[in-house]
Amino acid sequence: MSAIINIIAPVFALVIIGYLAVRLQAFPRQGVQGLLSFVNNFAAPALLFRAMLGIDFQTAFDPRIIGSFSFGAISALLIGIFI
């Protein structure tokens, strides 16, 4: 449980800090669009690429997890098509 909190807490802290920075006018509203463009087009892809370099695919590949996800996704797709 503490591992989850250690991962999730910084994300929520950054969201709160960003909200307060704009709300208290420490960061201009006009700069938000530029920041979003930077994060979406450069920073996030770079972090994902870096994370993929260090992953061990033999331990990350679990057929049970992939199978259960695929079953749920295909079931939801078929239910959506039939409805």
PDB file of N, CA and C in Angstrom:
ATOM      1  N   MET A   1       0.821  -1.193   0.000  1.00  0.00           N
ATOM      2  CA  MET A   1       0.000   0.000   0.000  1.00  0.00           C
ATOM      3  C   MET A   1       0.861   1.252   0.000  1.00  0.00           C
ATOM      4  N   SER A   2       1.957   1.239   0.732  1.00  0.00           N
ATOM      5  CA  SER A   2       2.819   2.425   0.764  1.00  0.00           C
ATOM      6  C   SER A   2       3.500   2.654  -0.581  1.00  0.00           C
ATOM      7  N   ALA A   3       3.751   1.576  -1.333  1.00  0.00           N
ATOM      8  CA  ALA A   3       4.347   1.742  -2.663  1.00  0.00           C
ATOM      9  C   ALA A   3       3.391   2.488  -3.589  1.00  0.00           C
ATOM     10  N   ILE A   4       2.110   2.199  -3.476  1.00  0.00           N
ATOM     11  CA  ILE A   4       1.115   2.892  -4.300  1.00  0.00           C
ATOM     12  C   ILE A   4       1.065   4.370  -3.919  1.00  0.00           C
ATOM     13  N   ILE A   5       1.073   4.639  -2.633  1.00  0.00           N
ATOM     14  CA  ILE A   5       1.034   6.031  -2.168  1.00  0.00           C
ATOM     15  C   ILE A   5       2.298   6.767  -2.608  1.00  0.00           C
ATOM     16  N   ASN A   6       3.450   6.094  -2.552  1.00  0.00           N
ATOM     17  CA  ASN A   6       4.703   6.726  -2.979  1.00  0.00           C
ATOM     18  C   ASN A   6       4.698   7.062  -4.463  1.00  0.00           C
ATOM     19  N   ILE A   7       3.927   6.345  -5.252  1.00  0.00           N
ATOM     20  CA  ILE A   7       3.852   6.616  -6.690  1.00  0.00           C
ATOM     21  C   ILE A   7       2.766   7.647  -6.999  1.00  0.00           C
ATOM     22  N   ILE A   8       1.616   7.520  -6.361  1.00  0.00           N
ATOM     23  CA  ILE A   8       0.475   8.375  -6.669  1.00  0.00           C
ATOM     24  C   ILE A   8       0.582   9.757  -6.021  1.00  0.00           C
ATOM     25  N   ALA A   9       1.112   9.848  -4.823  1.00  0.00           N
ATOM     26  CA  ALA A   9       1.159  11.113  -4.089  1.00  0.00           C
ATOM     27  C   ALA A   9       1.899  12.220  -4.857  1.00  0.00           C
ATOM     28  N   PRO A  10       3.069  11.957  -5.458  1.00  0.00           N
ATOM     29  CA  PRO A  10       3.725  13.028  -6.211  1.00  0.00           C
ATOM     30  C   PRO A  10       2.903  13.527  -7.405  1.00  0.00           C
ATOM     31  N   VAL A  11       2.155  12.637  -8.021  1.00  0.00           N
ATOM     32  CA  VAL A  11       1.324  13.049  -9.160  1.00  0.00           C
ATOM     33  C   VAL A  11       0.257  14.028  -8.690  1.00  0.00           C
ATOM     34  N   PHE A  12      -0.449  13.674  -7.619  1.00  0.00           N
ATOM     35  CA  PHE A  12      -1.473  14.569  -7.097  1.00  0.00           C
ATOM     36  C   PHE A  12      -0.858  15.858  -6.570  1.00  0.00           C
ATOM     37  N   ALA A  13       0.323  15.772  -5.983  1.00  0.00           N
ATOM     38  CA  ALA A  13       0.993  16.974  -5.487  1.00  0.00           C
ATOM     39  C   ALA A  13       1.321  17.920  -6.636  1.00  0.00           C
ATOM     40  N   LEU A  14       1.798  17.387  -7.756  1.00  0.00           N
ATOM     41  CA  LEU A  14       2.090  18.231  -8.908  1.00  0.00           C
ATOM     42  C   LEU A  14       0.836  18.875  -9.484  1.00  0.00           C
ATOM     43  N   VAL A  15      -0.262  18.124  -9.517  1.00  0.00           N
ATOM     44  CA  VAL A  15      -1.525  18.682 -10.008  1.00  0.00           C
ATOM     45  C   VAL A  15      -1.974  19.826  -9.109  1.00  0.00           C
ATOM     46  N   ILE A  16      -1.894  19.627  -7.811  1.00  0.00           N
ATOM     47  CA  ILE A  16      -2.307  20.670  -6.861  1.00  0.00           C
ATOM     48  C   ILE A  16      -1.393  21.893  -6.976  1.00  0.00           C
ATOM     49  N   ILE A  17      -0.087  21.678  -7.090  1.00  0.00           N
ATOM     50  CA  ILE A  17       0.847  22.791  -7.226  1.00  0.00           C
ATOM     51  C   ILE A  17       0.570  23.567  -8.512  1.00  0.00           C
ATOM     52  N   GLY A  18       0.317  22.862  -9.597  1.00  0.00           N
ATOM     53  CA  GLY A  18       0.000  23.528 -10.859  1.00  0.00           C
ATOM     54  C   GLY A  18      -1.291  24.323 -10.785  1.00  0.00           C
ATOM     55  N   TYR A  19      -2.305  23.737 -10.169  1.00  0.00           N
ATOM     56  CA  TYR A  19      -3.578  24.446 -10.005  1.00  0.00           C
ATOM     57  C   TYR A  19      -3.395  25.714  -9.184  1.00  0.00           C
ATOM     58  N   LEU A  20      -2.677  25.598  -8.079  1.00  0.00           N
ATOM     59  CA  LEU A  20      -2.460  26.761  -7.214  1.00  0.00           C
ATOM     60  C   LEU A  20      -1.594  27.821  -7.894  1.00  0.00           C
ATOM     61  N   ALA A  21      -0.640  27.404  -8.693  1.00  0.00           N
ATOM     62  CA  ALA A  21       0.221  28.362  -9.394  1.00  0.00           C
ATOM     63  C   ALA A  21      -0.588  29.217 -10.362  1.00  0.00           C
ATOM     64  N   VAL A  22      -1.519  28.599 -11.073  1.00  0.00           N
ATOM     65  CA  VAL A  22      -2.361  29.358 -12.000  1.00  0.00           C
ATOM     66  C   VAL A  22      -3.401  30.156 -11.221  1.00  0.00           C
ATOM     67  N   ARG A  23      -3.975  29.552 -10.212  1.00  0.00           N
ATOM     68  CA  ARG A  23      -5.013  30.221  -9.416  1.00  0.00           C
ATOM     69  C   ARG A  23      -4.475  31.452  -8.688  1.00  0.00           C
ATOM     70  N   LEU A  24      -3.269  31.364  -8.150  1.00  0.00           N
ATOM     71  CA  LEU A  24      -2.661  32.484  -7.438  1.00  0.00           C
ATOM     72  C   LEU A  24      -1.860  33.405  -8.377  1.00  0.00           C
ATOM     73  N   GLN A  25      -1.962  33.164  -9.661  1.00  0.00           N
ATOM     74  CA  GLN A  25      -1.327  33.955 -10.720  1.00  0.00           C
ATOM     75  C   GLN A  25       0.195  33.973 -10.626  1.00  0.00           C
ATOM     76  N   ALA A  26       0.769  32.897 -10.111  1.00  0.00           N
ATOM     77  CA  ALA A  26       2.223  32.746 -10.128  1.00  0.00           C
ATOM     78  C   ALA A  26       2.692  32.265 -11.496  1.00  0.00           C
ATOM     79  N   PHE A  27       1.792  31.650 -12.253  1.00  0.00           N
ATOM     80  CA  PHE A  27       2.060  31.175 -13.610  1.00  0.00           C
ATOM     81  C   PHE A  27       0.934  31.711 -14.488  1.00  0.00           C
ATOM     82  N   PRO A  28       1.241  32.430 -15.570  1.00  0.00           N
ATOM     83  CA  PRO A  28       0.175  33.052 -16.368  1.00  0.00           C
ATOM     84  C   PRO A  28      -0.668  32.017 -17.122  1.00  0.00           C
ATOM     85  N   ARG A  29      -1.946  32.321 -17.283  1.00  0.00           N
ATOM     86  CA  ARG A  29      -2.845  31.421 -18.013  1.00  0.00           C
ATOM     87  C   ARG A  29      -2.383  31.212 -19.456  1.00  0.00           C
ATOM     88  N   GLN A  30      -1.784  32.225 -20.064  1.00  0.00           N
ATOM     89  CA  GLN A  30      -1.323  32.113 -21.445  1.00  0.00           C
ATOM     90  C   GLN A  30      -0.177  31.109 -21.573  1.00  0.00           C
ATOM     91  N   GLY A  31       0.562  30.892 -20.509  1.00  0.00           N
ATOM     92  CA  GLY A  31       1.671  29.950 -20.536  1.00  0.00           C
ATOM     93  C   GLY A  31       1.254  28.502 -20.413  1.00  0.00           C
ATOM     94  N   VAL A  32       0.010  28.263 -19.995  1.00  0.00           N
ATOM     95  CA  VAL A  32      -0.461  26.898 -19.791  1.00  0.00           C
ATOM     96  C   VAL A  32      -0.471  26.132 -21.113  1.00  0.00           C
ATOM     97  N   GLN A  33      -0.914  26.771 -22.201  1.00  0.00           N
ATOM     98  CA  GLN A  33      -0.963  26.087 -23.503  1.00  0.00           C
ATOM     99  C   GLN A  33       0.434  25.681 -23.962  1.00  0.00           C
ATOM    100  N   GLY A  34       1.410  26.559 -23.776  1.00  0.00           N
ATOM    101  CA  GLY A  34       2.782  26.216 -24.145  1.00  0.00           C
ATOM    102  C   GLY A  34       3.340  25.087 -23.298  1.00  0.00           C
ATOM    103  N   LEU A  35       3.018  25.107 -22.008  1.00  0.00           N
ATOM    104  CA  LEU A  35       3.472  24.039 -21.116  1.00  0.00           C
ATOM    105  C   LEU A  35       2.845  22.702 -21.507  1.00  0.00           C
ATOM    106  N   LEU A  36       1.552  22.722 -21.828  1.00  0.00           N
ATOM    107  CA  LEU A  36       0.882  21.487 -22.258  1.00  0.00           C
ATOM    108  C   LEU A  36       1.490  20.951 -23.548  1.00  0.00           C
ATOM    109  N   SER A  37       1.795  21.845 -24.488  1.00  0.00           N
ATOM    110  CA  SER A  37       2.419  21.410 -25.742  1.00  0.00           C
ATOM    111  C   SER A  37       3.784  20.777 -25.478  1.00  0.00           C
ATOM    112  N   PHE A  38       4.578  21.390 -24.601  1.00  0.00           N
ATOM    113  CA  PHE A  38       5.894  20.836 -24.270  1.00  0.00           C
ATOM    114  C   PHE A  38       5.771  19.451 -23.645  1.00  0.00           C
ATOM    115  N   VAL A  39       4.870  19.316 -22.671  1.00  0.00           N
ATOM    116  CA  VAL A  39       4.728  18.044 -21.966  1.00  0.00           C
ATOM    117  C   VAL A  39       4.229  16.959 -22.912  1.00  0.00           C
ATOM    118  N   ASN A  40       3.199  17.266 -23.708  1.00  0.00           N
ATOM    119  CA  ASN A  40       2.605  16.247 -24.583  1.00  0.00           C
ATOM    120  C   ASN A  40       3.489  15.883 -25.770  1.00  0.00           C
ATOM    121  N   ASN A  41       4.239  16.847 -26.292  1.00  0.00           N
ATOM    122  CA  ASN A  41       5.014  16.584 -27.505  1.00  0.00           C
ATOM    123  C   ASN A  41       6.469  16.210 -27.250  1.00  0.00           C
ATOM    124  N   PHE A  42       6.989  16.524 -26.065  1.00  0.00           N
ATOM    125  CA  PHE A  42       8.404  16.247 -25.826  1.00  0.00           C
ATOM    126  C   PHE A  42       8.673  15.475 -24.543  1.00  0.00           C
ATOM    127  N   ALA A  43       8.215  15.990 -23.408  1.00  0.00           N
ATOM    128  CA  ALA A  43       8.605  15.425 -22.118  1.00  0.00           C
ATOM    129  C   ALA A  43       8.032  14.025 -21.904  1.00  0.00           C
ATOM    130  N   ALA A  44       6.726  13.848 -22.119  1.00  0.00           N
ATOM    131  CA  ALA A  44       6.114  12.536 -21.885  1.00  0.00           C
ATOM    132  C   ALA A  44       6.680  11.454 -22.813  1.00  0.00           C
ATOM    133  N   PRO A  45       6.818  11.713 -24.132  1.00  0.00           N
ATOM    134  CA  PRO A  45       7.447  10.689 -24.976  1.00  0.00           C
ATOM    135  C   PRO A  45       8.877  10.351 -24.563  1.00  0.00           C
ATOM    136  N   ALA A  46       9.637  11.354 -24.131  1.00  0.00           N
ATOM    137  CA  ALA A  46      11.012  11.098 -23.696  1.00  0.00           C
ATOM    138  C   ALA A  46      11.026  10.230 -22.440  1.00  0.00           C
ATOM    139  N   LEU A  47      10.131  10.501 -21.485  1.00  0.00           N
ATOM    140  CA  LEU A  47      10.063   9.678 -20.275  1.00  0.00           C
ATOM    141  C   LEU A  47       9.626   8.255 -20.591  1.00  0.00           C
ATOM    142  N   LEU A  48       8.670   8.102 -21.499  1.00  0.00           N
ATOM    143  CA  LEU A  48       8.223   6.755 -21.883  1.00  0.00           C
ATOM    144  C   LEU A  48       9.347   5.992 -22.570  1.00  0.00           C
ATOM    145  N   PHE A  49      10.076   6.661 -23.451  1.00  0.00           N
ATOM    146  CA  PHE A  49      11.196   6.019 -24.135  1.00  0.00           C
ATOM    147  C   PHE A  49      12.244   5.574 -23.132  1.00  0.00           C
ATOM    148  N   ARG A  50      12.552   6.446 -22.159  1.00  0.00           N
ATOM    149  CA  ARG A  50      13.538   6.105 -21.127  1.00  0.00           C
ATOM    150  C   ARG A  50      13.074   4.927 -20.282  1.00  0.00           C
ATOM    151  N   ALA A  51      11.785   4.906 -19.957  1.00  0.00           N
ATOM    152  CA  ALA A  51      11.251   3.801 -19.159  1.00  0.00           C
ATOM    153  C   ALA A  51      11.301   2.489 -19.944  1.00  0.00           C
ATOM    154  N   MET A  52      11.058   2.551 -21.236  1.00  0.00           N
ATOM    155  CA  MET A  52      11.083   1.336 -22.048  1.00  0.00           C
ATOM    156  C   MET A  52      12.494   0.785 -22.210  1.00  0.00           C
ATOM    157  N   LEU A  53      13.504   1.635 -22.102  1.00  0.00           N
ATOM    158  CA  LEU A  53      14.878   1.155 -22.195  1.00  0.00           C
ATOM    159  C   LEU A  53      15.266   0.277 -21.015  1.00  0.00           C
ATOM    160  N   GLY A  54      14.670   0.535 -19.859  1.00  0.00           N
ATOM    161  CA  GLY A  54      15.069  -0.188 -18.657  1.00  0.00           C
ATOM    162  C   GLY A  54      14.168  -1.333 -18.260  1.00  0.00           C
ATOM    163  N   ILE A  55      13.171  -1.643 -19.074  1.00  0.00           N
ATOM    164  CA  ILE A  55      12.214  -2.685 -18.686  1.00  0.00           C
ATOM    165  C   ILE A  55      12.726  -4.065 -19.124  1.00  0.00           C
ATOM    166  N   ASP A  56      12.447  -5.042 -18.298  1.00  0.00           N
ATOM    167  CA  ASP A  56      12.776  -6.428 -18.629  1.00  0.00           C
ATOM    168  C   ASP A  56      11.496  -7.095 -19.128  1.00  0.00           C
ATOM    169  N   PHE A  57      11.418  -7.307 -20.433  1.00  0.00           N
ATOM    170  CA  PHE A  57      10.177  -7.811 -21.025  1.00  0.00           C
ATOM    171  C   PHE A  57       9.855  -9.240 -20.627  1.00  0.00           C
ATOM    172  N   GLN A  58      10.834 -10.025 -20.264  1.00  0.00           N
ATOM    173  CA  GLN A  58      10.547 -11.403 -19.859  1.00  0.00           C
ATOM    174  C   GLN A  58       9.781 -11.449 -18.549  1.00  0.00           C
ATOM    175  N   THR A  59      10.090 -10.558 -17.630  1.00  0.00           N
ATOM    176  CA  THR A  59       9.353 -10.533 -16.365  1.00  0.00           C
ATOM    177  C   THR A  59       8.064  -9.738 -16.499  1.00  0.00           C
ATOM    178  N   ALA A  60       8.023  -8.744 -17.417  1.00  0.00           N
ATOM    179  CA  ALA A  60       6.823  -7.918 -17.573  1.00  0.00           C
ATOM    180  C   ALA A  60       5.751  -8.634 -18.374  1.00  0.00           C
ATOM    181  N   PHE A  61       6.107  -9.581 -19.219  1.00  0.00           N
ATOM    182  CA  PHE A  61       5.142 -10.275 -20.060  1.00  0.00           C
ATOM    183  C   PHE A  61       4.519 -11.418 -19.267  1.00  0.00           C
ATOM    184  N   ASP A  62       3.284 -11.231 -18.869  1.00  0.00           N
ATOM    185  CA  ASP A  62       2.543 -12.254 -18.133  1.00  0.00           C
ATOM    186  C   ASP A  62       1.290 -12.579 -18.936  1.00  0.00           C
ATOM    187  N   PRO A  63       1.221 -13.780 -19.530  1.00  0.00           N
ATOM    188  CA  PRO A  63       0.071 -14.124 -20.375  1.00  0.00           C
ATOM    189  C   PRO A  63      -1.266 -14.040 -19.635  1.00  0.00           C
ATOM    190  N   ARG A  64      -1.279 -14.284 -18.325  1.00  0.00           N
ATOM    191  CA  ARG A  64      -2.543 -14.197 -17.586  1.00  0.00           C
ATOM    192  C   ARG A  64      -3.064 -12.771 -17.555  1.00  0.00           C
ATOM    193  N   ILE A  65      -2.180 -11.829 -17.337  1.00  0.00           N
ATOM    194  CA  ILE A  65      -2.601 -10.426 -17.303  1.00  0.00           C
ATOM    195  C   ILE A  65      -3.013  -9.962 -18.687  1.00  0.00           C
ATOM    196  N   ILE A  66      -2.227 -10.281 -19.695  1.00  0.00           N
ATOM    197  CA  ILE A  66      -2.552  -9.868 -21.057  1.00  0.00           C
ATOM    198  C   ILE A  66      -3.844 -10.538 -21.521  1.00  0.00           C
ATOM    199  N   GLY A  67      -4.032 -11.793 -21.172  1.00  0.00           N
ATOM    200  CA  GLY A  67      -5.254 -12.510 -21.559  1.00  0.00           C
ATOM    201  C   GLY A  67      -6.491 -11.946 -20.887  1.00  0.00           C
ATOM    202  N   SER A  68      -6.402 -11.664 -19.610  1.00  0.00           N
ATOM    203  CA  SER A  68      -7.573 -11.116 -18.918  1.00  0.00           C
ATOM    204  C   SER A  68      -7.904  -9.720 -19.430  1.00  0.00           C
ATOM    205  N   PHE A  69      -6.895  -8.898 -19.702  1.00  0.00           N
ATOM    206  CA  PHE A  69      -7.157  -7.574 -20.263  1.00  0.00           C
ATOM    207  C   PHE A  69      -7.785  -7.694 -21.644  1.00  0.00           C
ATOM    208  N   SER A  70      -7.232  -8.558 -22.484  1.00  0.00           N
ATOM    209  CA  SER A  70      -7.758  -8.735 -23.839  1.00  0.00           C
ATOM    210  C   SER A  70      -9.196  -9.241 -23.799  1.00  0.00           C
ATOM    211  N   PHE A  71      -9.479 -10.194 -22.913  1.00  0.00           N
ATOM    212  CA  PHE A  71     -10.839 -10.719 -22.792  1.00  0.00           C
ATOM    213  C   PHE A  71     -11.813  -9.610 -22.398  1.00  0.00           C
ATOM    214  N   GLY A  72     -11.449  -8.795 -21.429  1.00  0.00           N
ATOM    215  CA  GLY A  72     -12.309  -7.698 -20.996  1.00  0.00           C
ATOM    216  C   GLY A  72     -12.497  -6.657 -22.081  1.00  0.00           C
ATOM    217  N   ALA A  73     -11.413  -6.311 -22.783  1.00  0.00           N
ATOM    218  CA  ALA A  73     -11.501  -5.302 -23.836  1.00  0.00           C
ATOM    219  C   ALA A  73     -12.356  -5.787 -24.996  1.00  0.00           C
ATOM    220  N   ILE A  74     -12.164  -7.033 -25.403  1.00  0.00           N
ATOM    221  CA  ILE A  74     -12.953  -7.571 -26.511  1.00  0.00           C
ATOM    222  C   ILE A  74     -14.416  -7.741 -26.100  1.00  0.00           C
ATOM    223  N   SER A  75     -14.652  -8.153 -24.867  1.00  0.00           N
ATOM    224  CA  SER A  75     -16.040  -8.268 -24.378  1.00  0.00           C
ATOM    225  C   SER A  75     -16.729  -6.912 -24.377  1.00  0.00           C
ATOM    226  N   ALA A  76     -16.050  -5.888 -23.896  1.00  0.00           N
ATOM    227  CA  ALA A  76     -16.636  -4.545 -23.887  1.00  0.00           C
ATOM    228  C   ALA A  76     -16.884  -4.052 -25.308  1.00  0.00           C
ATOM    229  N   LEU A  77     -15.971  -4.335 -26.210  1.00  0.00           N
ATOM    230  CA  LEU A  77     -16.148  -3.946 -27.602  1.00  0.00           C
ATOM    231  C   LEU A  77     -17.382  -4.625 -28.210  1.00  0.00           C
ATOM    232  N   LEU A  78     -17.511  -5.936 -27.992  1.00  0.00           N
ATOM    233  CA  LEU A  78     -18.649  -6.665 -28.564  1.00  0.00           C
ATOM    234  C   LEU A  78     -19.967  -6.207 -27.955  1.00  0.00           C
ATOM    235  N   ILE A  79     -19.982  -5.968 -26.660  1.00  0.00           N
ATOM    236  CA  ILE A  79     -21.217  -5.480 -26.011  1.00  0.00           C
ATOM    237  C   ILE A  79     -21.576  -4.104 -26.590  1.00  0.00           C
ATOM    238  N   GLY A  80     -20.569  -3.246 -26.779  1.00  0.00           N
ATOM    239  CA  GLY A  80     -20.822  -1.932 -27.354  1.00  0.00           C
ATOM    240  C   GLY A  80     -21.328  -2.011 -28.769  1.00  0.00           C
ATOM    241  N   ILE A  81     -20.798  -2.937 -29.562  1.00  0.00           N
ATOM    242  CA  ILE A  81     -21.255  -3.090 -30.950  1.00  0.00           C
ATOM    243  C   ILE A  81     -22.702  -3.580 -30.987  1.00  0.00           C
ATOM    244  N   PHE A  82     -23.026  -4.556 -30.138  1.00  0.00           N
ATOM    245  CA  PHE A  82     -24.384  -5.114 -30.156  1.00  0.00           C
ATOM    246  C   PHE A  82     -25.430  -4.162 -29.584  1.00  0.00           C
ATOM    247  N   ILE A  83     -25.018  -3.296 -28.658  1.00  0.00           N
ATOM    248  CA  ILE A  83     -25.973  -2.331 -28.088  1.00  0.00           C
ATOM    249  C   ILE A  83     -26.206  -1.215 -29.099  1.00  0.00           C
TER     250      ILE A  83
END
